[in-house]
Amino acid sequence: MKALLTIALLTVSCSSFAWTSKGAPTKEFTFKYKLSGQVFEVKRSAASYEEAFEVAADTCFKHYKGAGKVSEDRGLDIIDVCANPRS
């Protein structure tokens, strides 16, 4: 009976440590894009570079694309610029 009670107590105490985990630390990332002489800078806070890059690339594409449709060549240029940010 004591062994069962000890195991139950250890199980509860060990699982309670897992609940105290904190969110991943975030870091500020800055991405600079240049297309046709226009410079666009995006700053994002994220847990990893990859997360920040995905959001920044999407923001870049929407910024340079604008509201209307663009030609295929212009679209490819925008994709190339947004996929390769400058430091």
N, C-alpha and C. Protein backbone atom coordinates (compact mmCIF):
# COMPACT_ATOMS: atom_id res chain seq x y z
N MET A 1 0.82 -1.18 0.00
CA MET A 1 0.00 0.00 0.00
C MET A 1 0.87 1.26 0.00
N LYS A 2 1.94 1.26 0.80
CA LYS A 2 2.84 2.41 0.83
C LYS A 2 3.52 2.59 -0.52
N ALA A 3 3.88 1.49 -1.15
CA ALA A 3 4.54 1.57 -2.46
C ALA A 3 3.60 2.16 -3.49
N LEU A 4 2.34 1.77 -3.46
CA LEU A 4 1.34 2.29 -4.39
C LEU A 4 1.12 3.79 -4.18
N LEU A 5 1.05 4.19 -2.93
CA LEU A 5 0.88 5.59 -2.59
C LEU A 5 2.10 6.41 -3.02
N THR A 6 3.29 5.87 -2.84
CA THR A 6 4.53 6.54 -3.24
C THR A 6 4.58 6.70 -4.76
N ILE A 7 4.22 5.67 -5.49
CA ILE A 7 4.21 5.73 -6.96
C ILE A 7 3.20 6.77 -7.44
N ALA A 8 2.02 6.78 -6.83
CA ALA A 8 1.01 7.76 -7.21
C ALA A 8 1.49 9.18 -6.94
N LEU A 9 2.11 9.40 -5.81
CA LEU A 9 2.63 10.72 -5.46
C LEU A 9 3.73 11.16 -6.42
N LEU A 10 4.63 10.27 -6.77
CA LEU A 10 5.70 10.59 -7.72
C LEU A 10 5.15 10.88 -9.10
N THR A 11 4.15 10.13 -9.52
CA THR A 11 3.55 10.35 -10.83
C THR A 11 2.92 11.73 -10.92
N VAL A 12 2.18 12.10 -9.89
CA VAL A 12 1.52 13.41 -9.87
C VAL A 12 2.56 14.53 -9.82
N SER A 13 3.57 14.38 -9.01
CA SER A 13 4.57 15.44 -8.89
C SER A 13 5.40 15.57 -10.17
N CYS A 14 5.72 14.47 -10.82
CA CYS A 14 6.51 14.54 -12.07
C CYS A 14 5.69 15.16 -13.19
N SER A 15 4.41 14.82 -13.27
CA SER A 15 3.59 15.38 -14.34
C SER A 15 3.31 16.86 -14.09
N SER A 16 3.30 17.29 -12.85
CA SER A 16 3.07 18.71 -12.58
C SER A 16 4.25 19.56 -13.02
N PHE A 17 5.45 19.00 -13.06
CA PHE A 17 6.61 19.74 -13.56
C PHE A 17 6.46 20.03 -15.05
N ALA A 18 5.86 19.13 -15.78
CA ALA A 18 5.68 19.31 -17.21
C ALA A 18 4.70 20.45 -17.51
N TRP A 19 3.79 20.72 -16.62
CA TRP A 19 2.81 21.78 -16.86
C TRP A 19 3.40 23.16 -16.69
N THR A 20 4.53 23.28 -16.08
CA THR A 20 5.13 24.59 -15.84
C THR A 20 6.04 25.05 -16.97
N SER A 21 5.99 24.37 -18.10
CA SER A 21 6.87 24.76 -19.19
C SER A 21 6.44 26.12 -19.74
N LYS A 22 7.40 26.89 -20.19
CA LYS A 22 7.16 28.23 -20.70
C LYS A 22 7.19 28.18 -22.22
N GLY A 23 6.64 29.21 -22.85
CA GLY A 23 6.66 29.31 -24.29
C GLY A 23 8.08 29.47 -24.81
N ALA A 24 8.27 29.15 -26.05
CA ALA A 24 9.59 29.28 -26.65
C ALA A 24 10.01 30.75 -26.67
N PRO A 25 11.27 31.03 -26.38
CA PRO A 25 11.73 32.43 -26.40
C PRO A 25 11.70 32.97 -27.82
N THR A 26 11.32 34.21 -27.97
CA THR A 26 11.27 34.81 -29.30
C THR A 26 12.46 35.73 -29.51
N LYS A 27 12.79 35.92 -30.75
CA LYS A 27 13.90 36.78 -31.14
C LYS A 27 13.43 37.67 -32.27
N GLU A 28 13.97 38.86 -32.35
CA GLU A 28 13.60 39.81 -33.40
C GLU A 28 14.46 39.55 -34.64
N PHE A 29 13.81 39.38 -35.79
CA PHE A 29 14.49 39.18 -37.07
C PHE A 29 14.12 40.31 -38.01
N THR A 30 15.10 40.80 -38.77
CA THR A 30 14.87 41.87 -39.73
C THR A 30 15.23 41.37 -41.13
N PHE A 31 14.31 41.59 -42.06
CA PHE A 31 14.52 41.18 -43.45
C PHE A 31 14.40 42.42 -44.33
N LYS A 32 15.36 42.59 -45.26
CA LYS A 32 15.34 43.72 -46.18
C LYS A 32 15.19 43.19 -47.60
N TYR A 33 14.27 43.82 -48.33
CA TYR A 33 14.02 43.43 -49.72
C TYR A 33 14.18 44.65 -50.60
N LYS A 34 14.73 44.47 -51.81
CA LYS A 34 14.92 45.58 -52.74
C LYS A 34 14.46 45.13 -54.13
N LEU A 35 13.50 45.86 -54.66
CA LEU A 35 12.98 45.57 -56.00
C LEU A 35 12.75 46.89 -56.72
N SER A 36 13.34 47.03 -57.89
CA SER A 36 13.20 48.23 -58.72
C SER A 36 13.52 49.51 -57.96
N GLY A 37 14.57 49.47 -57.15
CA GLY A 37 14.99 50.64 -56.41
C GLY A 37 14.19 50.92 -55.16
N GLN A 38 13.14 50.14 -54.92
CA GLN A 38 12.31 50.34 -53.73
C GLN A 38 12.77 49.35 -52.65
N VAL A 39 13.11 49.88 -51.48
CA VAL A 39 13.57 49.05 -50.37
C VAL A 39 12.40 48.84 -49.40
N PHE A 40 12.21 47.61 -49.00
CA PHE A 40 11.13 47.25 -48.07
C PHE A 40 11.75 46.45 -46.93
N GLU A 41 11.49 46.87 -45.69
CA GLU A 41 12.07 46.20 -44.53
C GLU A 41 10.95 45.63 -43.66
N VAL A 42 11.14 44.37 -43.24
CA VAL A 42 10.15 43.69 -42.40
C VAL A 42 10.85 43.23 -41.13
N LYS A 43 10.26 43.55 -39.98
CA LYS A 43 10.77 43.08 -38.69
C LYS A 43 9.73 42.15 -38.09
N ARG A 44 10.18 40.95 -37.69
CA ARG A 44 9.29 39.97 -37.10
C ARG A 44 9.91 39.34 -35.87
N SER A 45 9.09 39.09 -34.87
CA SER A 45 9.52 38.34 -33.69
C SER A 45 9.00 36.93 -33.84
N ALA A 46 9.88 35.96 -33.64
CA ALA A 46 9.48 34.55 -33.76
C ALA A 46 10.45 33.69 -32.98
N ALA A 47 10.04 32.45 -32.77
CA ALA A 47 10.88 31.51 -32.03
C ALA A 47 12.05 31.03 -32.88
N SER A 48 11.88 31.03 -34.21
CA SER A 48 12.97 30.56 -35.08
C SER A 48 13.05 31.44 -36.33
N TYR A 49 14.18 31.35 -36.99
CA TYR A 49 14.38 32.11 -38.23
C TYR A 49 13.39 31.67 -39.29
N GLU A 50 13.13 30.37 -39.36
CA GLU A 50 12.23 29.83 -40.38
C GLU A 50 10.82 30.40 -40.24
N GLU A 51 10.32 30.47 -39.00
CA GLU A 51 8.98 31.03 -38.77
C GLU A 51 8.93 32.49 -39.21
N ALA A 52 9.92 33.26 -38.81
CA ALA A 52 9.97 34.68 -39.16
C ALA A 52 10.11 34.86 -40.67
N PHE A 53 10.91 34.02 -41.30
CA PHE A 53 11.13 34.11 -42.75
C PHE A 53 9.84 33.87 -43.52
N GLU A 54 9.06 32.87 -43.12
CA GLU A 54 7.81 32.57 -43.82
C GLU A 54 6.85 33.75 -43.77
N VAL A 55 6.70 34.36 -42.61
CA VAL A 55 5.79 35.50 -42.47
C VAL A 55 6.33 36.70 -43.24
N ALA A 56 7.63 36.94 -43.16
CA ALA A 56 8.23 38.09 -43.85
C ALA A 56 8.15 37.92 -45.37
N ALA A 57 8.37 36.72 -45.87
CA ALA A 57 8.29 36.49 -47.32
C ALA A 57 6.87 36.71 -47.82
N ASP A 58 5.88 36.26 -47.08
CA ASP A 58 4.49 36.47 -47.46
C ASP A 58 4.14 37.96 -47.44
N THR A 59 4.61 38.66 -46.42
CA THR A 59 4.39 40.11 -46.32
C THR A 59 5.05 40.84 -47.48
N CYS A 60 6.26 40.43 -47.82
CA CYS A 60 6.99 41.02 -48.94
C CYS A 60 6.22 40.84 -50.25
N PHE A 61 5.75 39.62 -50.49
CA PHE A 61 5.04 39.34 -51.73
C PHE A 61 3.78 40.19 -51.84
N LYS A 62 3.03 40.27 -50.75
CA LYS A 62 1.80 41.07 -50.77
C LYS A 62 2.11 42.55 -50.98
N HIS A 63 3.22 43.02 -50.40
CA HIS A 63 3.61 44.43 -50.54
C HIS A 63 3.93 44.76 -52.00
N TYR A 64 4.78 43.97 -52.63
CA TYR A 64 5.21 44.27 -53.99
C TYR A 64 4.15 43.94 -55.03
N LYS A 65 3.31 42.97 -54.75
CA LYS A 65 2.26 42.59 -55.70
C LYS A 65 1.18 43.66 -55.77
N GLY A 66 0.80 44.17 -54.63
CA GLY A 66 -0.27 45.17 -54.60
C GLY A 66 -1.63 44.50 -54.71
N ALA A 67 -2.63 45.29 -55.08
CA ALA A 67 -4.01 44.79 -55.11
C ALA A 67 -4.37 44.09 -56.41
N GLY A 68 -3.77 44.50 -57.50
CA GLY A 68 -4.14 43.94 -58.80
C GLY A 68 -3.29 42.75 -59.21
N LYS A 69 -3.56 42.31 -60.43
CA LYS A 69 -2.78 41.20 -60.99
C LYS A 69 -1.47 41.74 -61.54
N VAL A 70 -0.46 40.89 -61.57
CA VAL A 70 0.83 41.27 -62.14
C VAL A 70 1.17 40.30 -63.27
N SER A 71 2.08 40.73 -64.13
CA SER A 71 2.50 39.85 -65.23
C SER A 71 3.32 38.69 -64.67
N GLU A 72 3.49 37.68 -65.50
CA GLU A 72 4.26 36.50 -65.06
C GLU A 72 5.70 36.88 -64.73
N ASP A 73 6.33 37.70 -65.57
CA ASP A 73 7.71 38.11 -65.32
C ASP A 73 7.83 38.92 -64.03
N ARG A 74 6.91 39.84 -63.82
CA ARG A 74 6.93 40.64 -62.59
C ARG A 74 6.70 39.74 -61.37
N GLY A 75 5.79 38.79 -61.47
CA GLY A 75 5.53 37.86 -60.38
C GLY A 75 6.75 37.03 -60.03
N LEU A 76 7.46 36.56 -61.06
CA LEU A 76 8.68 35.79 -60.82
C LEU A 76 9.77 36.64 -60.18
N ASP A 77 9.86 37.91 -60.60
CA ASP A 77 10.82 38.82 -59.98
C ASP A 77 10.50 39.03 -58.50
N ILE A 78 9.21 39.20 -58.21
CA ILE A 78 8.79 39.40 -56.82
C ILE A 78 9.11 38.17 -55.98
N ILE A 79 8.81 36.99 -56.51
CA ILE A 79 9.10 35.74 -55.80
C ILE A 79 10.60 35.61 -55.53
N ASP A 80 11.41 35.93 -56.54
CA ASP A 80 12.87 35.84 -56.38
C ASP A 80 13.36 36.79 -55.29
N VAL A 81 12.87 38.01 -55.28
CA VAL A 81 13.30 39.00 -54.28
C VAL A 81 12.85 38.57 -52.89
N CYS A 82 11.60 38.12 -52.76
CA CYS A 82 11.07 37.77 -51.44
C CYS A 82 11.65 36.48 -50.89
N ALA A 83 12.13 35.61 -51.75
CA ALA A 83 12.75 34.36 -51.30
C ALA A 83 14.21 34.55 -50.91
N ASN A 84 14.80 35.69 -51.28
CA ASN A 84 16.22 35.94 -51.01
C ASN A 84 16.40 37.32 -50.38
N PRO A 85 16.05 37.45 -49.10
CA PRO A 85 16.18 38.77 -48.45
C PRO A 85 17.64 39.17 -48.27
N ARG A 86 17.86 40.46 -48.20
CA ARG A 86 19.19 41.00 -47.93
C ARG A 86 19.36 41.15 -46.42
N SER A 87 20.57 41.11 -45.97
CA SER A 87 20.82 41.27 -44.52
C SER A 87 20.84 42.73 -44.14
